[in-house]
Amino acid sequence: MGIESFDWKSLFINEEGSNQPKNEETKAPSLPQTNKFPDIELNSNVSNNSSNPFLGEVFDVYQKGFESLNQDGFDFFEMYKSVNAVGVTNPQSYQMAFTMGKTINSALTKESLLDKGKFYLTEIEKVYDKFNNTGNAKKSDLNLKITQEKKNLSNSISDLESQIAKLQKELESKRNELNKIDVNNAAQFSQFQLKIEANNLAKQKIQESINIVITGINQYL
């Protein structure tokens, strides 16, 4: 099943309106909030260590969906991007990003970042549930289709096997009849043969007797 079978663009639409912009003192320029999936070509850089050919593309869908939820101003998303650019295991990257964020949004706090982080996790979980439900539903439909096709073919095979068994039985019966033809007609065939031989002998004998008389007439008269 290809991932194009799913309505990916609908997955990250915020149906509950829970990602409305916060009241902030200062806002940095950013992409305007849109309620649709970004129309860009996906090219995931995620390391794919599995044999699953769809992992990179699906990860890219989540990444782009994550980006589509971003709002104006500095919040968890900008924090996420900043620390990933510098290094997620580097404590200074968090301090630097937070300090920069405070200059953009003076209302920024550790708690607001954590709350917003939980929001993104929740939204991604919603996307996962939609995709998982859709995938399992389609998988179930396909499984039912496969099961029905197998059942139909099994019934057809059973019917053909029954017909073949019947034909094999008829074939064997015809072979037996063929083998019995000579036996069943042997007596009559022999009778006809003897009568033909008798006819030949009778003709020969009567002709011989007639020829004897003809010879006598020619000789003695």
Protein backbone atom coordinates (compact mmCIF):
# COMPACT_ATOMS: atom_id res chain seq x y z
CA MET A 1 0.00 0.00 0.00
CA GLY A 2 1.53 3.30 -1.09
CA ILE A 3 1.31 6.32 1.13
CA GLU A 4 -0.47 8.17 -1.65
CA SER A 5 -3.51 6.14 -0.63
CA PHE A 6 -3.91 8.41 2.41
CA ASP A 7 -5.16 11.97 2.51
CA TRP A 8 -1.96 13.34 4.00
CA LYS A 9 -2.88 17.00 3.63
CA SER A 10 -5.85 16.63 5.93
CA LEU A 11 -3.81 15.20 8.77
CA PHE A 12 -2.29 18.37 10.15
CA ILE A 13 -5.32 20.65 9.82
CA ASN A 14 -6.05 22.05 13.25
CA GLU A 15 -9.76 21.29 13.54
CA GLU A 16 -10.07 22.50 17.13
CA GLY A 17 -8.42 25.89 16.63
CA SER A 18 -6.08 25.20 19.52
CA ASN A 19 -3.09 26.83 17.83
CA GLN A 20 -4.30 30.41 17.70
CA PRO A 21 -1.52 33.07 18.09
CA LYS A 22 -0.62 34.16 21.61
CA ASN A 23 -0.78 37.73 22.81
CA GLU A 24 2.83 38.85 22.53
CA GLU A 25 4.60 42.13 23.00
CA THR A 26 6.88 41.65 20.01
CA LYS A 27 6.58 39.30 17.04
CA ALA A 28 9.37 38.25 14.71
CA PRO A 29 8.61 37.86 11.02
CA SER A 30 7.62 34.32 10.16
CA LEU A 31 5.50 32.41 7.73
CA PRO A 32 1.80 33.32 8.09
CA GLN A 33 -0.33 30.70 9.78
CA THR A 34 -2.29 28.69 7.23
CA ASN A 35 -4.82 25.98 7.80
CA LYS A 36 -3.52 23.64 5.14
CA PHE A 37 -0.57 21.43 4.40
CA PRO A 38 2.44 23.14 2.75
CA ASP A 39 2.49 22.46 -1.01
CA ILE A 40 6.18 21.62 -1.31
CA GLU A 41 8.14 18.62 -2.45
CA LEU A 42 9.10 16.39 0.44
CA ASN A 43 12.70 15.34 0.82
CA SER A 44 13.39 13.73 4.17
CA ASN A 45 16.89 13.76 5.63
CA VAL A 46 15.99 11.30 8.36
CA SER A 47 18.41 8.41 8.66
CA ASN A 48 16.62 5.31 7.51
CA ASN A 49 18.27 2.33 9.14
CA SER A 50 15.37 0.02 8.44
CA SER A 51 14.34 -1.73 5.26
CA ASN A 52 11.02 0.15 5.22
CA PRO A 53 11.00 2.20 2.00
CA PHE A 54 8.34 4.60 3.30
CA LEU A 55 10.03 5.72 6.53
CA GLY A 56 11.79 8.76 5.07
CA GLU A 57 8.72 10.01 3.24
CA VAL A 58 6.37 9.53 6.17
CA PHE A 59 8.81 11.22 8.54
CA ASP A 60 8.95 14.14 6.11
CA VAL A 61 5.16 14.38 6.27
CA TYR A 62 5.31 14.67 10.05
CA GLN A 63 8.12 17.22 9.85
CA LYS A 64 6.26 19.41 7.36
CA GLY A 65 3.08 19.03 9.38
CA PHE A 66 4.97 20.11 12.48
CA GLU A 67 6.12 23.19 10.59
CA SER A 68 2.59 23.94 9.38
CA LEU A 69 1.43 24.24 13.01
CA ASN A 70 3.91 27.00 13.72
CA GLN A 71 2.50 30.44 14.59
CA ASP A 72 3.81 33.97 14.57
CA GLY A 73 6.41 34.90 17.15
CA PHE A 74 8.94 32.90 19.10
CA ASP A 75 7.64 29.79 20.83
CA PHE A 76 8.59 26.14 21.17
CA PHE A 77 8.92 25.68 17.40
CA GLU A 78 11.60 28.37 17.09
CA MET A 79 13.28 26.97 20.21
CA TYR A 80 13.24 23.52 18.64
CA LYS A 81 14.76 24.79 15.40
CA SER A 82 17.42 26.80 17.22
CA VAL A 83 18.67 24.08 19.53
CA ASN A 84 18.66 21.53 16.72
CA ALA A 85 20.79 23.88 14.63
CA VAL A 86 23.37 24.31 17.42
CA GLY A 87 23.11 20.92 19.11
CA VAL A 88 20.36 19.33 21.20
CA THR A 89 22.88 17.95 23.71
CA ASN A 90 24.63 21.29 24.17
CA PRO A 91 23.30 23.14 27.26
CA GLN A 92 24.48 26.48 25.86
CA SER A 93 22.29 26.06 22.79
CA TYR A 94 19.21 26.13 25.05
CA GLN A 95 20.44 29.20 26.96
CA MET A 96 21.29 31.05 23.75
CA ALA A 97 17.98 30.19 22.11
CA PHE A 98 16.00 31.17 25.20
CA THR A 99 17.85 34.47 25.51
CA MET A 100 17.21 35.24 21.84
CA GLY A 101 13.57 34.25 22.25
CA LYS A 102 13.13 36.62 25.18
CA THR A 103 14.31 39.50 23.03
CA ILE A 104 11.56 38.66 20.54
CA ASN A 105 8.87 37.66 23.00
CA SER A 106 9.29 39.09 26.46
CA ALA A 107 6.45 36.87 27.73
CA LEU A 108 8.47 33.74 26.90
CA THR A 109 8.98 31.41 29.86
CA LYS A 110 10.15 27.89 30.45
CA GLU A 111 6.56 26.93 31.29
CA SER A 112 5.16 28.44 28.08
CA LEU A 113 7.75 26.54 26.06
CA LEU A 114 6.89 23.26 27.77
CA ASP A 115 3.16 23.87 27.33
CA LYS A 116 3.65 24.59 23.65
CA GLY A 117 5.86 21.52 23.31
CA LYS A 118 3.05 19.41 24.76
CA PHE A 119 0.66 21.03 22.28
CA TYR A 120 2.83 19.94 19.35
CA LEU A 121 3.12 16.43 20.77
CA THR A 122 -0.65 16.26 21.15
CA GLU A 123 -1.26 17.44 17.59
CA ILE A 124 1.24 14.93 16.23
CA GLU A 125 -0.47 12.22 18.25
CA LYS A 126 -3.76 13.19 16.61
CA VAL A 127 -2.12 12.88 13.22
CA TYR A 128 -0.72 9.50 14.18
CA ASP A 129 -4.16 8.29 15.27
CA LYS A 130 -5.73 9.44 11.99
CA PHE A 131 -3.04 7.80 9.92
CA ASN A 132 -3.03 4.64 12.02
CA ASN A 133 -6.81 4.30 11.85
CA THR A 134 -6.82 4.94 8.12
CA GLY A 135 -3.98 2.48 7.53
CA ASN A 136 -5.54 -0.24 9.65
CA ALA A 137 -8.94 0.29 7.99
CA LYS A 138 -7.42 -0.01 4.52
CA LYS A 139 -5.36 -3.00 5.61
CA SER A 140 -8.51 -4.63 7.00
CA ASP A 141 -10.42 -3.94 3.78
CA LEU A 142 -7.59 -5.44 1.74
CA ASN A 143 -7.45 -8.45 4.04
CA LEU A 144 -11.20 -9.01 3.59
CA LYS A 145 -10.78 -8.69 -0.18
CA ILE A 146 -7.93 -11.20 -0.15
CA THR A 147 -9.92 -13.59 2.03
CA GLN A 148 -12.95 -13.36 -0.28
CA GLU A 149 -10.82 -13.86 -3.39
CA LYS A 150 -9.18 -16.90 -1.81
CA LYS A 151 -12.59 -18.28 -0.86
CA ASN A 152 -13.96 -17.77 -4.37
CA LEU A 153 -10.91 -19.35 -5.99
CA SER A 154 -10.95 -22.24 -3.51
CA ASN A 155 -14.61 -22.89 -4.36
CA SER A 156 -13.81 -22.76 -8.08
CA ILE A 157 -10.91 -25.16 -7.58
CA SER A 158 -13.14 -27.53 -5.61
CA ASP A 159 -15.75 -27.44 -8.38
CA LEU A 160 -13.10 -28.11 -11.02
CA GLU A 161 -11.63 -30.94 -8.95
CA SER A 162 -15.10 -32.48 -8.65
CA GLN A 163 -15.61 -32.17 -12.39
CA ILE A 164 -12.17 -33.66 -13.06
CA ALA A 165 -12.90 -36.55 -10.69
CA LYS A 166 -16.21 -37.16 -12.48
CA LEU A 167 -14.52 -37.02 -15.89
CA GLN A 168 -11.77 -39.35 -14.69
CA LYS A 169 -14.43 -41.81 -13.54
CA GLU A 170 -16.21 -41.56 -16.89
CA LEU A 171 -12.88 -41.96 -18.68
CA GLU A 172 -12.08 -45.11 -16.74
CA SER A 173 -15.54 -46.47 -17.51
CA LYS A 174 -15.09 -45.81 -21.23
CA ARG A 175 -11.68 -47.50 -21.15
CA ASN A 176 -13.24 -50.56 -19.54
CA GLU A 177 -15.97 -50.60 -22.19
CA LEU A 178 -13.30 -50.35 -24.88
CA ASN A 179 -11.37 -53.24 -23.40
CA LYS A 180 -14.53 -55.38 -23.22
CA ILE A 181 -15.57 -54.84 -26.84
CA ASP A 182 -13.42 -57.69 -28.19
CA VAL A 183 -14.44 -60.03 -25.38
CA ASN A 184 -18.14 -59.21 -25.67
CA ASN A 185 -18.15 -59.76 -29.45
CA ALA A 186 -15.64 -62.61 -29.67
CA ALA A 187 -18.26 -65.40 -29.89
CA GLN A 188 -20.32 -63.64 -32.54
CA PHE A 189 -17.17 -62.68 -34.44
CA SER A 190 -16.00 -66.33 -34.36
CA GLN A 191 -19.42 -67.52 -35.53
CA PHE A 192 -19.35 -65.17 -38.50
CA GLN A 193 -15.82 -66.28 -39.34
CA LEU A 194 -16.80 -70.00 -39.24
CA LYS A 195 -19.85 -69.35 -41.41
CA ILE A 196 -17.69 -67.54 -43.97
CA GLU A 197 -15.22 -70.46 -43.98
CA ALA A 198 -18.12 -72.91 -44.28
CA ASN A 199 -19.48 -70.96 -47.21
CA ASN A 200 -16.12 -71.16 -48.92
CA LEU A 201 -15.80 -74.89 -48.28
CA ALA A 202 -19.37 -75.61 -49.35
CA LYS A 203 -18.90 -73.73 -52.60
CA GLN A 204 -15.64 -75.55 -53.22
CA LYS A 205 -17.15 -78.97 -52.56
CA ILE A 206 -20.24 -78.44 -54.71
CA GLN A 207 -18.16 -77.05 -57.52
CA GLU A 208 -15.77 -79.99 -57.28
CA SER A 209 -18.67 -82.46 -57.45
CA ILE A 210 -20.12 -80.67 -60.46
CA ASN A 211 -16.75 -80.57 -62.21
CA ILE A 212 -16.35 -84.35 -61.68
CA VAL A 213 -19.60 -84.96 -63.54
CA ILE A 214 -18.67 -82.50 -66.28
CA THR A 215 -15.35 -84.28 -66.69
CA GLY A 216 -17.14 -87.67 -66.85
CA ILE A 217 -19.49 -86.47 -69.53
CA ASN A 218 -16.64 -85.20 -71.60
CA GLN A 219 -14.73 -88.46 -71.12
CA TYR A 220 -17.34 -91.10 -71.44
CA LEU A 221 -19.83 -89.78 -73.94
